[in-house]
Amino acid sequence: MRQGLPIAKHGQTVGLLGGSFDPAHEGHVQITRAALARFNLDRIWWLVTPGNPLKKRGPAPFSARMQAACALMQHPRVTVTDIEAKLGTRYTAQTLAALRAHYPGVRFVWLMGADNLIQFHQWQNWRDIMENVPVGVLARPGDRVAARLSKAARVYRSAKMSAQASVCLARAEAPTWCFVNLPMNAQSSSAIRQRGEWVAPL
C-alpha cells in the first residue's frame, strides 16, 4: 500500500466523489450524506483533483481547496483525500484502475451529480468507468431531464438499476448505474466564485 493513502478493508464498499471542489460547498456535503444512505456505503472518499481536464480555467491552489474541503466535510465515514496527486493520475479511468490495483477486494462506487452525467461521454475512457465500477448518480438542480437523456444514460439504458433498489448498487456487478432524486440544493462552486465568495489564498 502506498504511504499516505486512506485505509479500506477487504469487502468494504467505498464511494468515490471526485471533483475540483473549487470550492467545496454544502451541496457536496448533501449528496455525500445522501449517497452513504441511499447506496448503503461503508465509506466515501472525496477525491480532490489537482486539475479538471475538461475545464479551461485552472482551479484555485490545490492546498487551499484541500484545506477548505477538510474544514467543511466533517463526518466519521467520509475522508477528504489527495489520492490523485499521490497516484499521479489525471483522468478518472486511470484513478479507478490504480485504486482497484491498490485495494483488491474493496468494492468501489463512482459517485457523480446529474450534471456530470450529461457530459460523461466526454470523459476519457468513460465506457471503461461504466464497465468496471457501479455508478451512483445524484440529482442536482435543473439537470434531471437532461441527465436522463444523456448519451451515457442512453447507451447504458439496460444497465440502469431502479432507485428503489439503490441500496444494492455497491454489491452489483458493473455495468450498473442508479439515478436517485434528492431534495434540491442550488449551491454550486461556479456561482460561489462568481459572487466573489471564494478567494483562495495563494
N, C-alpha and C. Protein backbone atom coordinates (compact mmCIF):
# COMPACT_ATOMS: atom_id res chain seq x y z
N MET A 1 0.84 -1.20 0.00
CA MET A 1 0.00 0.00 0.00
C MET A 1 0.88 1.25 0.00
N ARG A 2 0.62 2.17 -0.91
CA ARG A 2 1.41 3.39 -0.98
C ARG A 2 1.16 4.25 0.26
N GLN A 3 2.22 4.83 0.81
CA GLN A 3 2.11 5.62 2.02
C GLN A 3 1.21 6.83 1.80
N GLY A 4 0.35 7.10 2.77
CA GLY A 4 -0.49 8.27 2.70
C GLY A 4 -1.86 8.04 2.10
N LEU A 5 -2.12 6.84 1.57
CA LEU A 5 -3.44 6.55 1.03
C LEU A 5 -4.36 6.11 2.16
N PRO A 6 -5.65 6.39 2.04
CA PRO A 6 -6.59 6.00 3.11
C PRO A 6 -6.71 4.49 3.22
N ILE A 7 -7.17 4.04 4.37
CA ILE A 7 -7.29 2.61 4.64
C ILE A 7 -8.70 2.13 4.28
N ALA A 8 -8.76 0.99 3.62
CA ALA A 8 -10.04 0.33 3.33
C ALA A 8 -9.82 -1.17 3.45
N LYS A 9 -10.78 -1.84 4.07
CA LYS A 9 -10.66 -3.27 4.31
C LYS A 9 -11.33 -4.08 3.21
N HIS A 10 -10.85 -5.29 3.04
CA HIS A 10 -11.42 -6.22 2.07
C HIS A 10 -12.92 -6.37 2.32
N GLY A 11 -13.71 -6.24 1.26
CA GLY A 11 -15.14 -6.39 1.38
C GLY A 11 -15.90 -5.11 1.65
N GLN A 12 -15.20 -4.04 2.01
CA GLN A 12 -15.88 -2.78 2.26
C GLN A 12 -16.35 -2.14 0.95
N THR A 13 -17.40 -1.32 1.07
CA THR A 13 -17.88 -0.55 -0.08
C THR A 13 -17.49 0.91 0.12
N VAL A 14 -16.84 1.47 -0.89
CA VAL A 14 -16.32 2.84 -0.79
C VAL A 14 -16.81 3.65 -1.98
N GLY A 15 -17.54 4.71 -1.69
CA GLY A 15 -17.97 5.62 -2.74
C GLY A 15 -16.89 6.65 -3.00
N LEU A 16 -16.70 7.00 -4.25
CA LEU A 16 -15.68 7.95 -4.66
C LEU A 16 -16.35 9.16 -5.30
N LEU A 17 -16.18 10.32 -4.69
CA LEU A 17 -16.73 11.56 -5.22
C LEU A 17 -15.57 12.45 -5.64
N GLY A 18 -15.36 12.54 -6.93
CA GLY A 18 -14.24 13.31 -7.44
C GLY A 18 -14.66 14.69 -7.91
N GLY A 19 -13.71 15.61 -7.94
CA GLY A 19 -14.02 16.95 -8.44
C GLY A 19 -12.95 17.94 -8.04
N SER A 20 -13.09 19.14 -8.59
CA SER A 20 -12.15 20.21 -8.25
C SER A 20 -12.40 20.75 -6.85
N PHE A 21 -13.65 20.70 -6.39
CA PHE A 21 -14.03 21.27 -5.10
C PHE A 21 -13.46 22.69 -4.99
N ASP A 22 -13.88 23.52 -5.95
CA ASP A 22 -13.30 24.86 -6.10
C ASP A 22 -14.37 25.95 -5.98
N PRO A 23 -14.96 26.13 -4.76
CA PRO A 23 -14.66 25.45 -3.51
C PRO A 23 -15.69 24.36 -3.20
N ALA A 24 -15.40 23.56 -2.18
CA ALA A 24 -16.39 22.63 -1.64
C ALA A 24 -17.52 23.44 -1.01
N HIS A 25 -18.75 22.91 -1.07
CA HIS A 25 -19.89 23.63 -0.52
C HIS A 25 -20.92 22.65 0.03
N GLU A 26 -22.00 23.19 0.58
CA GLU A 26 -23.00 22.36 1.25
C GLU A 26 -23.69 21.38 0.30
N GLY A 27 -23.74 21.71 -1.00
CA GLY A 27 -24.30 20.78 -1.96
C GLY A 27 -23.49 19.49 -2.02
N HIS A 28 -22.16 19.61 -1.95
CA HIS A 28 -21.29 18.43 -1.91
C HIS A 28 -21.56 17.61 -0.65
N VAL A 29 -21.72 18.31 0.46
CA VAL A 29 -21.99 17.62 1.73
C VAL A 29 -23.33 16.88 1.65
N GLN A 30 -24.33 17.54 1.08
CA GLN A 30 -25.65 16.93 0.99
C GLN A 30 -25.63 15.64 0.18
N ILE A 31 -25.02 15.67 -1.01
CA ILE A 31 -25.04 14.45 -1.83
C ILE A 31 -24.16 13.37 -1.21
N THR A 32 -23.14 13.77 -0.46
CA THR A 32 -22.29 12.78 0.21
C THR A 32 -23.07 12.04 1.29
N ARG A 33 -23.75 12.79 2.13
CA ARG A 33 -24.55 12.16 3.19
C ARG A 33 -25.67 11.31 2.59
N ALA A 34 -26.27 11.80 1.53
CA ALA A 34 -27.34 11.03 0.88
C ALA A 34 -26.79 9.75 0.26
N ALA A 35 -25.63 9.82 -0.36
CA ALA A 35 -25.04 8.65 -1.00
C ALA A 35 -24.70 7.56 0.01
N LEU A 36 -24.21 7.96 1.18
CA LEU A 36 -23.92 6.97 2.22
C LEU A 36 -25.15 6.12 2.52
N ALA A 37 -26.29 6.79 2.63
CA ALA A 37 -27.53 6.08 2.99
C ALA A 37 -28.17 5.40 1.80
N ARG A 38 -28.32 6.14 0.71
CA ARG A 38 -29.08 5.61 -0.43
C ARG A 38 -28.38 4.43 -1.09
N PHE A 39 -27.04 4.46 -1.11
CA PHE A 39 -26.28 3.38 -1.75
C PHE A 39 -25.66 2.41 -0.75
N ASN A 40 -25.99 2.60 0.52
CA ASN A 40 -25.54 1.67 1.58
C ASN A 40 -24.02 1.49 1.56
N LEU A 41 -23.30 2.61 1.60
CA LEU A 41 -21.84 2.59 1.52
C LEU A 41 -21.21 2.57 2.91
N ASP A 42 -20.07 1.90 3.01
CA ASP A 42 -19.33 1.91 4.27
C ASP A 42 -18.61 3.24 4.47
N ARG A 43 -18.04 3.74 3.37
CA ARG A 43 -17.28 4.99 3.45
C ARG A 43 -17.43 5.75 2.14
N ILE A 44 -17.09 7.03 2.18
CA ILE A 44 -16.97 7.83 0.96
C ILE A 44 -15.65 8.59 1.03
N TRP A 45 -14.93 8.59 -0.07
CA TRP A 45 -13.71 9.39 -0.19
C TRP A 45 -13.96 10.52 -1.18
N TRP A 46 -13.66 11.74 -0.76
CA TRP A 46 -13.63 12.85 -1.70
C TRP A 46 -12.27 12.83 -2.39
N LEU A 47 -12.27 12.81 -3.70
CA LEU A 47 -11.04 12.85 -4.47
C LEU A 47 -10.87 14.26 -5.02
N VAL A 48 -10.13 15.08 -4.29
CA VAL A 48 -9.89 16.45 -4.73
C VAL A 48 -8.83 16.40 -5.83
N THR A 49 -9.25 16.75 -7.04
CA THR A 49 -8.36 16.60 -8.18
C THR A 49 -7.39 17.78 -8.30
N PRO A 50 -6.14 17.53 -8.70
CA PRO A 50 -5.20 18.63 -8.93
C PRO A 50 -5.69 19.58 -10.03
N GLY A 51 -6.45 19.05 -11.01
CA GLY A 51 -6.98 19.87 -12.10
C GLY A 51 -7.98 19.08 -12.91
N ASN A 52 -9.00 19.75 -13.43
CA ASN A 52 -10.03 19.10 -14.24
C ASN A 52 -9.69 19.27 -15.71
N PRO A 53 -9.42 18.16 -16.45
CA PRO A 53 -9.04 18.27 -17.86
C PRO A 53 -10.12 18.91 -18.74
N LEU A 54 -11.39 18.90 -18.30
CA LEU A 54 -12.47 19.47 -19.11
C LEU A 54 -12.68 20.96 -18.87
N LYS A 55 -11.97 21.51 -17.90
CA LYS A 55 -12.14 22.93 -17.60
C LYS A 55 -10.93 23.72 -18.09
N LYS A 56 -11.20 24.79 -18.86
CA LYS A 56 -10.11 25.59 -19.41
C LYS A 56 -9.42 26.40 -18.32
N ARG A 57 -10.21 26.92 -17.39
CA ARG A 57 -9.64 27.74 -16.32
C ARG A 57 -9.12 26.85 -15.20
N GLY A 58 -7.88 27.09 -14.79
CA GLY A 58 -7.32 26.30 -13.71
C GLY A 58 -8.00 26.60 -12.39
N PRO A 59 -8.06 25.63 -11.50
CA PRO A 59 -8.70 25.85 -10.20
C PRO A 59 -7.80 26.62 -9.25
N ALA A 60 -8.34 26.94 -8.09
CA ALA A 60 -7.55 27.57 -7.03
C ALA A 60 -6.44 26.62 -6.60
N PRO A 61 -5.44 27.11 -5.89
CA PRO A 61 -4.33 26.24 -5.47
C PRO A 61 -4.84 24.98 -4.76
N PHE A 62 -4.20 23.88 -5.05
CA PHE A 62 -4.63 22.58 -4.54
C PHE A 62 -4.70 22.56 -3.01
N SER A 63 -3.69 23.09 -2.36
CA SER A 63 -3.64 23.07 -0.90
C SER A 63 -4.81 23.85 -0.30
N ALA A 64 -5.21 24.94 -0.93
CA ALA A 64 -6.33 25.74 -0.43
C ALA A 64 -7.63 24.98 -0.58
N ARG A 65 -7.81 24.27 -1.70
CA ARG A 65 -9.03 23.52 -1.91
C ARG A 65 -9.12 22.33 -0.94
N MET A 66 -8.00 21.68 -0.70
CA MET A 66 -7.96 20.58 0.26
C MET A 66 -8.31 21.08 1.66
N GLN A 67 -7.72 22.19 2.06
CA GLN A 67 -7.95 22.73 3.40
C GLN A 67 -9.41 23.10 3.58
N ALA A 68 -10.00 23.75 2.59
CA ALA A 68 -11.40 24.17 2.69
C ALA A 68 -12.33 22.96 2.72
N ALA A 69 -12.02 21.95 1.91
CA ALA A 69 -12.85 20.74 1.88
C ALA A 69 -12.79 20.00 3.21
N CYS A 70 -11.61 19.90 3.79
CA CYS A 70 -11.46 19.22 5.09
C CYS A 70 -12.21 19.95 6.19
N ALA A 71 -12.20 21.28 6.13
CA ALA A 71 -12.89 22.07 7.14
C ALA A 71 -14.41 21.91 7.03
N LEU A 72 -14.90 21.74 5.80
CA LEU A 72 -16.35 21.67 5.58
C LEU A 72 -16.92 20.28 5.83
N MET A 73 -16.25 19.24 5.31
CA MET A 73 -16.81 17.88 5.34
C MET A 73 -16.40 17.17 6.61
N GLN A 74 -17.27 17.21 7.60
CA GLN A 74 -17.00 16.60 8.90
C GLN A 74 -17.95 15.42 9.09
N HIS A 75 -17.46 14.22 8.87
CA HIS A 75 -18.27 13.02 9.05
C HIS A 75 -17.32 11.85 9.29
N PRO A 76 -17.60 10.98 10.26
CA PRO A 76 -16.66 9.90 10.60
C PRO A 76 -16.45 8.89 9.48
N ARG A 77 -17.35 8.84 8.50
CA ARG A 77 -17.22 7.85 7.43
C ARG A 77 -16.83 8.49 6.10
N VAL A 78 -16.44 9.76 6.16
CA VAL A 78 -16.04 10.47 4.93
C VAL A 78 -14.61 10.97 5.09
N THR A 79 -13.80 10.73 4.08
CA THR A 79 -12.39 11.15 4.10
C THR A 79 -12.12 12.03 2.89
N VAL A 80 -11.57 13.20 3.14
CA VAL A 80 -11.13 14.08 2.05
C VAL A 80 -9.70 13.69 1.70
N THR A 81 -9.45 13.36 0.44
CA THR A 81 -8.15 12.81 0.06
C THR A 81 -7.48 13.57 -1.09
N ASP A 82 -6.17 13.37 -1.18
CA ASP A 82 -5.38 13.87 -2.31
C ASP A 82 -4.86 12.69 -3.13
N ILE A 83 -5.69 11.66 -3.26
CA ILE A 83 -5.29 10.41 -3.90
C ILE A 83 -4.72 10.64 -5.30
N GLU A 84 -5.41 11.45 -6.11
CA GLU A 84 -4.94 11.62 -7.49
C GLU A 84 -3.57 12.28 -7.54
N ALA A 85 -3.32 13.21 -6.63
CA ALA A 85 -2.00 13.83 -6.59
C ALA A 85 -0.94 12.81 -6.20
N LYS A 86 -1.27 11.94 -5.25
CA LYS A 86 -0.30 10.93 -4.81
C LYS A 86 -0.06 9.86 -5.89
N LEU A 87 -1.13 9.46 -6.56
CA LEU A 87 -1.00 8.43 -7.59
C LEU A 87 -0.45 8.98 -8.90
N GLY A 88 -0.58 10.29 -9.10
CA GLY A 88 -0.11 10.90 -10.34
C GLY A 88 -1.06 10.65 -11.50
N THR A 89 -2.34 10.40 -11.20
CA THR A 89 -3.32 10.16 -12.26
C THR A 89 -4.05 11.46 -12.59
N ARG A 90 -4.47 11.57 -13.83
CA ARG A 90 -5.12 12.81 -14.29
C ARG A 90 -6.57 12.57 -14.68
N TYR A 91 -6.88 11.36 -15.09
CA TYR A 91 -8.23 11.04 -15.54
C TYR A 91 -8.87 10.00 -14.63
N THR A 92 -10.20 10.06 -14.53
CA THR A 92 -10.93 9.17 -13.62
C THR A 92 -10.68 7.71 -13.92
N ALA A 93 -10.67 7.33 -15.18
CA ALA A 93 -10.44 5.92 -15.54
C ALA A 93 -9.09 5.45 -15.03
N GLN A 94 -8.07 6.31 -15.12
CA GLN A 94 -6.75 5.97 -14.61
C GLN A 94 -6.77 5.82 -13.10
N THR A 95 -7.45 6.74 -12.43
CA THR A 95 -7.53 6.70 -10.97
C THR A 95 -8.21 5.42 -10.51
N LEU A 96 -9.32 5.07 -11.14
CA LEU A 96 -10.04 3.86 -10.75
C LEU A 96 -9.20 2.61 -10.97
N ALA A 97 -8.48 2.55 -12.07
CA ALA A 97 -7.63 1.38 -12.33
C ALA A 97 -6.55 1.26 -11.25
N ALA A 98 -5.96 2.39 -10.86
CA ALA A 98 -4.92 2.37 -9.84
C ALA A 98 -5.50 1.97 -8.49
N LEU A 99 -6.67 2.49 -8.14
CA LEU A 99 -7.28 2.16 -6.86
C LEU A 99 -7.66 0.69 -6.78
N ARG A 100 -8.19 0.15 -7.85
CA ARG A 100 -8.57 -1.26 -7.84
C ARG A 100 -7.34 -2.15 -7.70
N ALA A 101 -6.20 -1.70 -8.22
CA ALA A 101 -4.95 -2.45 -8.07
C ALA A 101 -4.42 -2.35 -6.64
N HIS A 102 -4.56 -1.17 -6.03
CA HIS A 102 -4.06 -0.93 -4.67
C HIS A 102 -4.95 -1.56 -3.60
N TYR A 103 -6.24 -1.70 -3.92
CA TYR A 103 -7.21 -2.17 -2.92
C TYR A 103 -7.99 -3.39 -3.43
N PRO A 104 -7.32 -4.52 -3.62
CA PRO A 104 -8.06 -5.71 -4.07
C PRO A 104 -9.10 -6.11 -3.02
N GLY A 105 -10.30 -6.43 -3.49
CA GLY A 105 -11.34 -6.84 -2.56
C GLY A 105 -12.22 -5.73 -2.06
N VAL A 106 -11.83 -4.46 -2.30
CA VAL A 106 -12.67 -3.33 -1.94
C VAL A 106 -13.61 -3.03 -3.12
N ARG A 107 -14.88 -2.81 -2.81
CA ARG A 107 -15.87 -2.54 -3.86
C ARG A 107 -16.08 -1.03 -3.97
N PHE A 108 -15.58 -0.46 -5.06
CA PHE A 108 -15.69 0.98 -5.27
C PHE A 108 -16.95 1.31 -6.07
N VAL A 109 -17.54 2.47 -5.75
CA VAL A 109 -18.67 3.01 -6.48
C VAL A 109 -18.32 4.43 -6.88
N TRP A 110 -18.44 4.74 -8.17
CA TRP A 110 -18.17 6.11 -8.61
C TRP A 110 -19.44 6.93 -8.42
N LEU A 111 -19.31 8.07 -7.75
CA LEU A 111 -20.44 8.95 -7.46
C LEU A 111 -20.33 10.22 -8.28
N MET A 112 -21.47 10.69 -8.77
CA MET A 112 -21.46 11.95 -9.50
C MET A 112 -22.82 12.63 -9.41
N GLY A 113 -22.80 13.95 -9.56
CA GLY A 113 -24.04 14.67 -9.68
C GLY A 113 -24.61 14.47 -11.07
N ALA A 114 -25.91 14.69 -11.22
CA ALA A 114 -26.55 14.51 -12.52
C ALA A 114 -25.95 15.43 -13.58
N ASP A 115 -25.42 16.58 -13.16
CA ASP A 115 -24.80 17.49 -14.12
C ASP A 115 -23.61 16.84 -14.82
N ASN A 116 -22.88 15.99 -14.11
CA ASN A 116 -21.74 15.31 -14.71
C ASN A 116 -22.17 14.19 -15.66
N LEU A 117 -23.32 13.58 -15.40
CA LEU A 117 -23.78 12.53 -16.31
C LEU A 117 -24.06 13.09 -17.69
N ILE A 118 -24.47 14.35 -17.77
CA ILE A 118 -24.77 14.98 -19.05
C ILE A 118 -23.54 15.00 -19.95
N GLN A 119 -22.38 15.28 -19.38
CA GLN A 119 -21.14 15.37 -20.18
C GLN A 119 -20.24 14.15 -20.00
N PHE A 120 -20.76 13.11 -19.39
CA PHE A 120 -19.93 11.96 -19.04
C PHE A 120 -19.28 11.34 -20.27
N HIS A 121 -19.96 11.36 -21.41
CA HIS A 121 -19.40 10.75 -22.62
C HIS A 121 -18.18 11.50 -23.15
N GLN A 122 -17.90 12.68 -22.59
CA GLN A 122 -16.71 13.43 -22.99
C GLN A 122 -15.49 13.05 -22.15
N TRP A 123 -15.70 12.31 -21.09
CA TRP A 123 -14.59 11.90 -20.24
C TRP A 123 -13.74 10.86 -20.96
N GLN A 124 -12.44 10.88 -20.69
CA GLN A 124 -11.56 9.89 -21.30
C GLN A 124 -11.93 8.49 -20.81
N ASN A 125 -12.10 7.57 -21.76
CA ASN A 125 -12.40 6.16 -21.45
C ASN A 125 -13.62 6.02 -20.54
N TRP A 126 -14.67 6.81 -20.83
CA TRP A 126 -15.85 6.80 -19.97
C TRP A 126 -16.53 5.43 -19.94
N ARG A 127 -16.45 4.72 -21.04
CA ARG A 127 -17.06 3.38 -21.06
C ARG A 127 -16.32 2.43 -20.12
N ASP A 128 -15.01 2.60 -19.99
CA ASP A 128 -14.24 1.76 -19.05
C ASP A 128 -14.70 1.99 -17.62
N ILE A 129 -15.03 3.24 -17.30
CA ILE A 129 -15.54 3.54 -15.96
C ILE A 129 -16.84 2.78 -15.73
N MET A 130 -17.76 2.88 -16.67
CA MET A 130 -19.06 2.22 -16.53
C MET A 130 -18.93 0.71 -16.48
N GLU A 131 -17.97 0.17 -17.19
CA GLU A 131 -17.82 -1.28 -17.29
C GLU A 131 -17.10 -1.89 -16.09
N ASN A 132 -16.44 -1.05 -15.29
CA ASN A 132 -15.61 -1.60 -14.22
C ASN A 132 -16.09 -1.31 -12.80
N VAL A 133 -16.90 -0.27 -12.60
CA VAL A 133 -17.43 0.01 -11.27
C VAL A 133 -18.88 0.45 -11.38
N PRO A 134 -19.71 0.13 -10.38
CA PRO A 134 -21.07 0.69 -10.36
C PRO A 134 -20.99 2.21 -10.25
N VAL A 135 -21.99 2.88 -10.78
CA VAL A 135 -22.02 4.35 -10.78
C VAL A 135 -23.31 4.83 -10.13
N GLY A 136 -23.17 5.69 -9.13
CA GLY A 136 -24.32 6.28 -8.45
C GLY A 136 -24.47 7.73 -8.88
N VAL A 137 -25.62 8.08 -9.41
CA VAL A 137 -25.87 9.44 -9.90
C VAL A 137 -26.89 10.10 -8.99
N LEU A 138 -26.56 11.29 -8.50
CA LEU A 138 -27.43 12.02 -7.57
C LEU A 138 -27.93 13.29 -8.23
N ALA A 139 -29.24 13.49 -8.18
CA ALA A 139 -29.87 14.61 -8.89
C ALA A 139 -29.35 15.95 -8.38
N ARG A 140 -29.16 16.88 -9.32
CA ARG A 140 -28.78 18.25 -9.00
C ARG A 140 -29.79 19.19 -9.63
N PRO A 141 -29.90 20.42 -9.16
CA PRO A 141 -30.91 21.34 -9.69
C PRO A 141 -30.81 21.54 -11.19
N GLY A 142 -31.93 21.40 -11.89
CA GLY A 142 -32.01 21.70 -13.31
C GLY A 142 -31.42 20.68 -14.25
N ASP A 143 -30.94 19.55 -13.74
CA ASP A 143 -30.24 18.61 -14.60
C ASP A 143 -30.93 17.26 -14.73
N ARG A 144 -32.10 17.09 -14.14
CA ARG A 144 -32.71 15.77 -14.10
C ARG A 144 -33.08 15.25 -15.50
N VAL A 145 -33.80 16.05 -16.26
CA VAL A 145 -34.25 15.60 -17.57
C VAL A 145 -33.07 15.42 -18.52
N ALA A 146 -32.18 16.43 -18.57
CA ALA A 146 -31.02 16.34 -19.46
C ALA A 146 -30.14 15.14 -19.12
N ALA A 147 -30.00 14.84 -17.84
CA ALA A 147 -29.18 13.69 -17.43
C ALA A 147 -29.81 12.38 -17.90
N ARG A 148 -31.11 12.27 -17.77
CA ARG A 148 -31.79 11.04 -18.18
C ARG A 148 -31.73 10.83 -19.69
N LEU A 149 -31.56 11.92 -20.45
CA LEU A 149 -31.50 11.84 -21.91
C LEU A 149 -30.06 11.88 -22.43
N SER A 150 -29.08 11.87 -21.54
CA SER A 150 -27.68 11.97 -21.95
C SER A 150 -27.23 10.74 -22.72
N LYS A 151 -26.14 10.87 -23.42
CA LYS A 151 -25.61 9.75 -24.21
C LYS A 151 -25.29 8.56 -23.32
N ALA A 152 -24.65 8.81 -22.18
CA ALA A 152 -24.30 7.70 -21.28
C ALA A 152 -25.54 6.98 -20.79
N ALA A 153 -26.59 7.73 -20.46
CA ALA A 153 -27.83 7.12 -19.98
C ALA A 153 -28.48 6.28 -21.07
N ARG A 154 -28.39 6.75 -22.31
CA ARG A 154 -28.99 6.01 -23.42
C ARG A 154 -28.19 4.75 -23.76
N VAL A 155 -26.86 4.90 -23.79
CA VAL A 155 -26.01 3.75 -24.12
C VAL A 155 -26.16 2.64 -23.09
N TYR A 156 -26.26 3.02 -21.81
CA TYR A 156 -26.33 2.04 -20.73
C TYR A 156 -27.74 1.95 -20.14
N ARG A 157 -28.73 2.16 -20.98
CA ARG A 157 -30.12 2.11 -20.51
C ARG A 157 -30.44 0.76 -19.84
N SER A 158 -29.96 -0.32 -20.44
CA SER A 158 -30.28 -1.66 -19.92
C SER A 158 -29.56 -1.97 -18.61
N ALA A 159 -28.55 -1.17 -18.25
CA ALA A 159 -27.78 -1.40 -17.02
C ALA A 159 -28.28 -0.57 -15.86
N LYS A 160 -29.37 0.17 -16.07
CA LYS A 160 -29.87 1.07 -15.03
C LYS A 160 -30.61 0.28 -13.95
N MET A 161 -30.27 0.56 -12.70
CA MET A 161 -30.93 -0.02 -11.54
C MET A 161 -31.99 0.95 -11.05
N SER A 162 -33.11 0.46 -10.60
CA SER A 162 -34.18 1.34 -10.11
C SER A 162 -33.74 2.04 -8.83
N ALA A 163 -34.27 3.23 -8.61
CA ALA A 163 -33.95 3.98 -7.40
C ALA A 163 -34.39 3.23 -6.16
N GLN A 164 -35.45 2.43 -6.27
CA GLN A 164 -35.94 1.66 -5.13
C GLN A 164 -34.94 0.60 -4.68
N ALA A 165 -34.06 0.19 -5.61
CA ALA A 165 -33.06 -0.84 -5.30
C ALA A 165 -31.68 -0.25 -5.05
N SER A 166 -31.61 1.07 -4.81
CA SER A 166 -30.32 1.76 -4.72
C SER A 166 -29.39 1.19 -3.66
N VAL A 167 -29.94 0.63 -2.57
CA VAL A 167 -29.08 0.09 -1.51
C VAL A 167 -28.29 -1.12 -1.99
N CYS A 168 -28.65 -1.67 -3.13
CA CYS A 168 -27.96 -2.84 -3.67
C CYS A 168 -26.85 -2.46 -4.65
N LEU A 169 -26.72 -1.18 -4.97
CA LEU A 169 -25.80 -0.77 -6.02
C LEU A 169 -24.37 -1.19 -5.76
N ALA A 170 -23.87 -0.97 -4.56
CA ALA A 170 -22.46 -1.21 -4.26
C ALA A 170 -22.07 -2.68 -4.41
N ARG A 171 -23.04 -3.58 -4.27
CA ARG A 171 -22.75 -5.01 -4.39
C ARG A 171 -23.07 -5.55 -5.78
N ALA A 172 -23.54 -4.69 -6.65
CA ALA A 172 -23.89 -5.12 -8.01
C ALA A 172 -22.65 -5.20 -8.89
N GLU A 173 -22.73 -6.00 -9.92
CA GLU A 173 -21.62 -6.10 -10.87
C GLU A 173 -21.77 -5.04 -11.95
N ALA A 174 -20.66 -4.43 -12.33
CA ALA A 174 -20.67 -3.44 -13.41
C ALA A 174 -20.86 -4.17 -14.75
N PRO A 175 -21.49 -3.49 -15.73
CA PRO A 175 -22.02 -2.14 -15.64
C PRO A 175 -23.38 -2.07 -14.96
N THR A 176 -23.49 -1.26 -13.93
CA THR A 176 -24.75 -0.96 -13.27
C THR A 176 -24.70 0.50 -12.80
N TRP A 177 -25.79 1.23 -13.04
CA TRP A 177 -25.83 2.60 -12.54
C TRP A 177 -27.22 2.88 -12.01
N CYS A 178 -27.28 3.83 -11.10
CA CYS A 178 -28.54 4.14 -10.42
C CYS A 178 -28.68 5.65 -10.28
N PHE A 179 -29.86 6.17 -10.61
CA PHE A 179 -30.15 7.60 -10.53
C PHE A 179 -31.13 7.82 -9.39
N VAL A 180 -30.76 8.64 -8.42
CA VAL A 180 -31.66 8.92 -7.31
C VAL A 180 -31.93 10.42 -7.21
N ASN A 181 -33.16 10.76 -6.89
CA ASN A 181 -33.55 12.15 -6.69
C ASN A 181 -33.32 12.55 -5.23
N LEU A 182 -32.93 13.80 -5.04
CA LEU A 182 -32.70 14.34 -3.70
C LEU A 182 -33.41 15.68 -3.57
N PRO A 183 -33.67 16.11 -2.36
CA PRO A 183 -34.12 17.49 -2.19
C PRO A 183 -33.08 18.43 -2.79
N MET A 184 -33.53 19.42 -3.51
CA MET A 184 -32.60 20.25 -4.27
C MET A 184 -31.80 21.21 -3.40
N ASN A 185 -30.51 21.31 -3.69
CA ASN A 185 -29.63 22.30 -3.08
C ASN A 185 -29.00 23.06 -4.24
N ALA A 186 -29.31 24.34 -4.34
CA ALA A 186 -28.92 25.12 -5.52
C ALA A 186 -27.48 25.62 -5.48
N GLN A 187 -26.74 25.32 -4.44
CA GLN A 187 -25.36 25.81 -4.37
C GLN A 187 -24.50 25.18 -5.46
N SER A 188 -23.60 25.96 -6.01
CA SER A 188 -22.63 25.44 -6.98
C SER A 188 -21.32 26.19 -6.80
N SER A 189 -20.23 25.52 -7.12
CA SER A 189 -18.92 26.15 -6.97
C SER A 189 -18.78 27.37 -7.88
N SER A 190 -19.27 27.25 -9.13
CA SER A 190 -19.14 28.36 -10.08
C SER A 190 -19.91 29.59 -9.59
N ALA A 191 -21.11 29.38 -9.02
CA ALA A 191 -21.89 30.51 -8.51
C ALA A 191 -21.19 31.17 -7.34
N ILE A 192 -20.59 30.38 -6.46
CA ILE A 192 -19.86 30.92 -5.32
C ILE A 192 -18.68 31.77 -5.79
N ARG A 193 -17.97 31.27 -6.82
CA ARG A 193 -16.84 32.04 -7.37
C ARG A 193 -17.32 33.34 -8.00
N GLN A 194 -18.42 33.26 -8.76
CA GLN A 194 -18.93 34.45 -9.45
C GLN A 194 -19.37 35.53 -8.47
N ARG A 195 -19.86 35.11 -7.31
CA ARG A 195 -20.27 36.09 -6.30
C ARG A 195 -19.09 36.64 -5.51
N GLY A 196 -17.91 36.12 -5.79
CA GLY A 196 -16.72 36.60 -5.09
C GLY A 196 -16.58 36.10 -3.68
N GLU A 197 -17.27 34.98 -3.36
CA GLU A 197 -17.26 34.46 -2.00
C GLU A 197 -16.14 33.45 -1.78
N TRP A 198 -15.39 33.14 -2.80
CA TRP A 198 -14.30 32.15 -2.68
C TRP A 198 -13.03 32.80 -3.20
N VAL A 199 -12.24 33.29 -2.28
CA VAL A 199 -10.95 33.87 -2.62
C VAL A 199 -9.89 33.02 -1.93
N ALA A 200 -9.32 32.11 -2.68
CA ALA A 200 -8.36 31.17 -2.09
C ALA A 200 -7.02 31.84 -1.87
N PRO A 201 -6.35 31.53 -0.79
CA PRO A 201 -5.01 32.08 -0.57
C PRO A 201 -4.03 31.50 -1.58
N LEU A 202 -3.07 32.30 -1.97
CA LEU A 202 -2.05 31.84 -2.95
C LEU A 202 -0.98 31.02 -2.26
